[in-house]
Protein backbone atom coordinates (compact mmCIF):
# COMPACT_ATOMS: atom_id res chain seq x y z
CA MET A 1 65.91 113.65 78.57
CA ARG A 2 63.48 110.75 78.50
CA ALA A 3 59.77 111.28 78.05
CA GLY A 4 58.23 112.00 81.42
CA GLY A 5 61.14 114.14 82.62
CA GLY A 6 63.51 111.31 83.59
CA MET A 7 67.21 111.90 83.21
CA SER A 8 68.89 110.20 80.28
CA ARG A 9 71.50 107.59 81.08
CA VAL A 10 73.91 109.67 79.01
CA SER A 11 73.70 112.55 81.51
CA ARG A 12 76.13 112.20 84.39
CA PRO A 13 77.25 114.63 87.06
CA GLU A 14 80.63 116.11 86.25
CA GLY A 15 83.49 114.00 87.56
CA GLN A 16 81.65 110.70 87.42
CA GLU A 17 83.67 109.25 84.56
CA LEU A 18 86.85 107.40 85.16
CA PRO A 19 89.78 109.53 83.95
CA ALA A 20 90.02 108.22 80.40
CA ALA A 21 88.68 108.96 76.95
CA PRO A 22 89.67 106.26 74.46
CA GLU A 23 87.51 107.74 71.73
CA ARG A 24 89.52 110.98 71.94
CA ASP A 25 93.00 109.47 71.93
CA PRO A 26 93.00 105.91 70.60
CA ALA A 27 96.81 105.83 70.43
CA VAL A 28 97.10 106.48 74.15
CA THR A 29 94.36 103.97 74.85
CA ALA A 30 96.17 101.31 72.83
CA THR A 31 99.40 102.05 74.69
CA VAL A 32 97.77 101.77 78.10
CA LEU A 33 95.95 98.59 77.14
CA ALA A 34 99.22 97.11 75.93
CA LEU A 35 100.96 98.12 79.17
CA THR A 36 98.16 96.57 81.21
CA ALA A 37 98.39 93.37 79.18
CA VAL A 38 102.13 93.22 79.81
CA VAL A 39 101.68 93.66 83.57
CA LEU A 40 98.99 90.99 83.68
CA ALA A 41 101.13 88.62 81.61
CA LEU A 42 104.16 89.14 83.85
CA THR A 43 102.01 88.55 86.91
CA ALA A 44 100.66 85.30 85.50
CA ALA A 45 104.17 84.21 84.48
CA VAL A 46 105.63 84.76 87.95
CA PHE A 47 102.83 82.88 89.67
CA ALA A 48 103.03 80.04 87.16
CA ALA A 49 106.81 79.80 87.60
CA VAL A 50 106.58 79.57 91.39
CA ALA A 51 103.90 76.89 91.06
CA ASP A 52 106.24 74.75 88.94
CA HIS A 53 108.55 72.75 91.23
CA GLY A 54 111.33 72.60 88.66
CA LEU A 55 111.33 76.35 88.04
CA LEU A 56 110.89 77.06 91.74
CA ALA A 57 114.20 75.32 92.46
CA HIS A 58 115.98 77.79 90.15
CA ILE A 59 114.01 80.71 91.60
CA GLN A 60 114.94 79.61 95.12
CA ARG A 61 118.64 79.73 94.28
CA LEU A 62 118.23 83.30 93.09
CA ASP A 63 116.20 84.14 96.19
CA ASP A 64 118.88 82.63 98.43
CA ALA A 65 121.60 84.63 96.69
CA TRP A 66 119.59 87.85 97.01
CA LEU A 67 118.96 87.25 100.70
CA ARG A 68 122.70 86.68 101.32
CA LEU A 69 123.40 89.93 99.49
CA MET A 70 120.86 91.79 101.60
CA ILE A 71 122.26 90.39 104.84
CA SER A 72 125.82 91.29 103.88
CA GLY A 73 124.81 94.84 103.00
CA ARG A 74 122.64 95.65 106.01
CA SER A 75 123.26 98.90 107.86
CA ALA A 76 121.47 100.68 110.67
CA PRO A 77 120.07 103.58 108.54
CA VAL A 78 118.76 101.29 105.79
CA THR A 79 117.28 98.90 108.33
CA ALA A 80 115.50 101.81 110.03
CA VAL A 81 113.96 102.91 106.72
CA ALA A 82 112.92 99.35 105.92
CA LYS A 83 111.25 99.00 109.32
CA VAL A 84 109.34 102.25 108.73
CA LEU A 85 108.08 100.79 105.45
CA ASN A 86 107.12 97.65 107.35
CA VAL A 87 104.85 99.76 109.57
CA LEU A 88 103.41 101.62 106.57
CA GLY A 89 102.35 98.32 105.06
CA LEU A 90 100.45 97.15 108.13
CA VAL A 91 96.66 97.11 108.11
CA TYR A 92 96.61 99.71 110.90
CA VAL A 93 98.01 102.18 108.35
CA THR A 94 96.62 100.98 105.04
CA LEU A 95 93.03 100.61 106.27
CA PRO A 96 92.61 104.24 107.47
CA VAL A 97 94.25 105.48 104.27
CA ARG A 98 91.88 103.43 102.14
CA ILE A 99 88.85 104.57 104.15
CA ALA A 100 89.96 108.20 103.78
CA ILE A 101 90.31 107.86 99.99
CA ALA A 102 86.96 106.09 99.67
CA GLY A 103 85.30 108.68 101.90
CA TYR A 104 86.69 111.53 99.82
CA LEU A 105 85.44 109.95 96.59
CA ALA A 106 82.02 109.37 98.14
CA LEU A 107 81.76 112.95 99.40
CA ARG A 108 82.67 114.22 95.94
CA ARG A 109 80.13 111.79 94.44
CA ARG A 110 82.77 110.15 92.25
CA TRP A 111 80.91 106.87 92.24
CA TRP A 112 82.65 105.22 89.30
CA ARG A 113 86.06 106.12 90.64
CA LEU A 114 85.03 104.87 94.05
CA ALA A 115 83.89 101.60 92.50
CA ALA A 116 87.24 101.18 90.72
CA PHE A 117 89.23 101.93 93.87
CA ALA A 118 87.13 99.75 96.16
CA GLY A 119 87.01 96.95 93.61
CA ALA A 120 90.81 96.92 93.31
CA VAL A 121 91.28 96.80 97.08
CA LEU A 122 88.62 94.12 97.58
CA LEU A 123 90.05 91.94 94.81
CA SER A 124 93.55 92.19 96.27
CA GLU A 125 92.39 91.32 99.77
CA ILE A 126 90.58 88.23 98.51
CA LEU A 127 93.64 87.12 96.55
CA ILE A 128 96.18 87.64 99.34
CA GLY A 129 94.74 85.03 101.69
CA THR A 130 93.68 82.69 98.90
CA LEU A 131 97.06 82.62 97.17
CA LYS A 132 99.05 82.32 100.39
CA GLY A 133 96.96 79.27 101.25
CA VAL A 134 97.43 77.75 97.79
CA TYR A 135 101.20 78.24 97.57
CA HIS A 136 101.95 77.83 101.29
CA ARG A 137 105.59 78.82 100.84
CA ALA A 138 107.87 78.99 103.88
CA ARG A 139 109.37 82.36 104.76
CA PRO A 140 113.10 83.12 104.90
CA PRO A 141 114.81 82.38 108.22
CA GLU A 142 115.53 85.04 110.86
CA SER A 143 113.41 87.93 109.67
CA LEU A 144 114.16 91.30 111.25
CA VAL A 145 110.43 91.93 111.76
CA THR A 146 107.55 89.85 113.08
CA THR A 147 105.83 87.83 110.36
CA THR A 148 102.83 85.52 110.23
CA GLY A 149 101.43 83.18 107.63
CA ALA A 150 102.90 81.95 104.37
CA SER A 151 105.49 83.86 102.38
CA PHE A 152 104.21 83.92 98.79
CA PRO A 153 103.11 86.43 97.67
CA SER A 154 104.10 89.42 99.83
CA GLY A 155 101.01 90.90 101.44
CA HIS A 156 102.82 94.17 102.18
CA ALA A 157 103.84 94.55 98.53
CA ILE A 158 100.32 93.77 97.31
CA ALA A 159 98.65 96.16 99.75
CA ALA A 160 101.06 99.00 99.01
CA SER A 161 100.91 98.58 95.24
CA VAL A 162 97.15 98.26 94.88
CA THR A 163 96.51 101.18 97.23
CA VAL A 164 98.83 103.70 95.62
CA VAL A 165 98.16 102.71 92.00
CA ALA A 166 94.38 102.60 92.47
CA ALA A 167 94.55 105.93 94.33
CA VAL A 168 96.40 107.58 91.44
CA ILE A 169 93.83 106.28 88.94
CA ALA A 170 90.92 107.45 91.11
CA LEU A 171 92.23 110.80 92.36
CA VAL A 172 94.60 112.30 89.78
CA PRO A 173 93.28 113.66 86.46
CA PRO A 174 94.97 112.52 83.25
CA GLY A 175 98.02 114.41 82.08
CA ARG A 176 101.49 115.18 83.35
CA ARG A 177 100.39 115.16 86.98
CA ARG A 178 99.07 111.62 86.54
CA ILE A 179 102.35 110.53 84.97
CA ALA A 180 104.34 112.10 87.81
CA TRP A 181 102.18 110.54 90.53
CA ALA A 182 102.16 107.18 88.75
CA THR A 183 105.95 107.26 88.76
CA VAL A 184 105.94 108.00 92.48
CA ALA A 185 103.45 105.18 93.09
CA ALA A 186 105.57 102.73 91.11
CA GLY A 187 108.68 103.77 92.99
CA PHE A 188 106.98 103.37 96.35
CA SER A 189 105.68 99.92 95.38
CA VAL A 190 109.13 98.73 94.32
CA LEU A 191 110.69 100.19 97.46
CA MET A 192 108.15 98.40 99.63
CA GLY A 193 108.87 95.12 97.84
CA LEU A 194 112.64 95.49 98.19
CA SER A 195 112.30 96.37 101.87
CA ARG A 196 110.50 93.06 102.49
CA ALA A 197 113.37 91.12 100.94
CA TYR A 198 115.93 93.26 102.78
CA LEU A 199 114.31 92.56 106.14
CA GLY A 200 114.16 88.84 105.41
CA ALA A 201 110.37 88.91 105.76
CA HIS A 202 109.95 87.61 102.20
CA TRP A 203 111.94 86.14 99.38
CA LEU A 204 112.65 88.47 96.49
CA SER A 205 110.25 86.52 94.25
CA ASP A 206 107.51 87.01 96.87
CA ALA A 207 108.04 90.76 96.68
CA ILE A 208 108.10 90.87 92.88
CA ALA A 209 104.90 88.83 92.70
CA GLY A 210 103.26 91.12 95.26
CA VAL A 211 104.10 94.32 93.39
CA LEU A 212 102.88 92.86 90.10
CA LEU A 213 99.68 91.47 91.59
CA GLY A 214 98.77 94.68 93.40
CA THR A 215 99.35 96.71 90.24
CA SER A 216 97.36 94.20 88.19
CA CYS A 217 94.41 94.43 90.57
CA ALA A 218 94.35 98.23 90.29
CA LEU A 219 94.57 98.25 86.50
CA LEU A 220 92.11 95.41 86.03
CA ALA A 221 89.53 97.00 88.34
CA ALA A 222 89.79 100.29 86.45
CA LEU A 223 89.30 98.55 83.12
CA VAL A 224 86.32 96.48 84.28
CA VAL A 225 84.56 99.37 86.03
CA GLY A 226 85.30 101.60 83.04
CA TRP A 227 83.74 99.04 80.70
CA ILE A 228 80.65 98.79 82.92
CA GLN A 229 80.42 102.58 83.05
CA ARG A 230 80.54 102.90 79.29
CA ARG A 231 77.92 100.19 78.84
CA TRP A 232 75.67 101.84 81.42
CA SER A 233 76.11 105.30 79.91
CA ALA A 234 75.71 104.33 76.24
CA PRO A 235 72.54 105.71 74.61
CA ARG A 236 69.92 103.06 74.04
CA GLY A 237 69.96 101.61 70.57
CA ARG A 238 73.63 102.49 70.00
CA PRO A 239 76.67 100.29 70.56
CA ALA A 240 78.78 101.16 73.57
CA ALA A 241 82.07 102.90 72.94
CA PRO A 242 85.32 101.04 73.78
CA PRO A 243 85.96 100.70 77.53
CA PRO A 244 87.92 103.51 79.18
CA VAL A 245 91.37 102.79 80.54
CA PRO A 246 93.53 104.54 83.13
CA ASP A 247 94.84 107.06 80.56
CA THR A 248 98.19 108.55 81.59
CA ALA A 249 98.97 110.93 78.77
CA ARG A 250 95.85 112.93 77.85
CA PRO A 251 96.10 116.62 78.90
CA ALA A 252 94.85 117.18 82.40
CA GLY A 253 91.18 117.89 82.75
CA ARG A 254 88.76 118.57 85.56
CA LEU A 255 87.83 115.87 88.00
């Protein structure tokens, strides 16, 4: 406690911290930081490759081959599932889900988690329009669903990935449950991306870039907000501890 009865910056209501504790398990922290670095590097590599006209020509040949494969393998049941995923990726679905998650975190007074979740979503929404305008890539011909705007990167893949990954970081405590839900989130993100290429709404490279970018936004927001939290919570006169990361292996604790 500070003199005068004020609350110390070290004191926080239970559940305020982002679900990580690098000082308790540095090995796990190093692993997660390495994984985050890999995802960010892959994201940058894909966007750089598509921006290079020479590399884009090679990528386009692969995209064309993948689209032909998807068209040749289309069936009514798979198309129905892909169209359901198309609806799930629309703003009419993602926006209420995001509001519900943010509202829950606010009601539970999980302010740091709310900041990480909202920051990830906001960053992704800014990047979607900006990057589509910069790359201005044409979409594949004869999509099975209505599309608007440029093709690269896939907005559906970004929205799905950032929402589910950021939700897992914000809502699920570290431990086996986090690992299980993170696996589900990753699977859903990949499925959403593949469905976009299957429907002909995006090229495969659009979908891959979208999944990577959405995941990167979620991880980066968690790291930045965690660093700010640690700096804010550090006792005065002492150096701040290393920034928390979205730990996925520490035994489950209380929210």
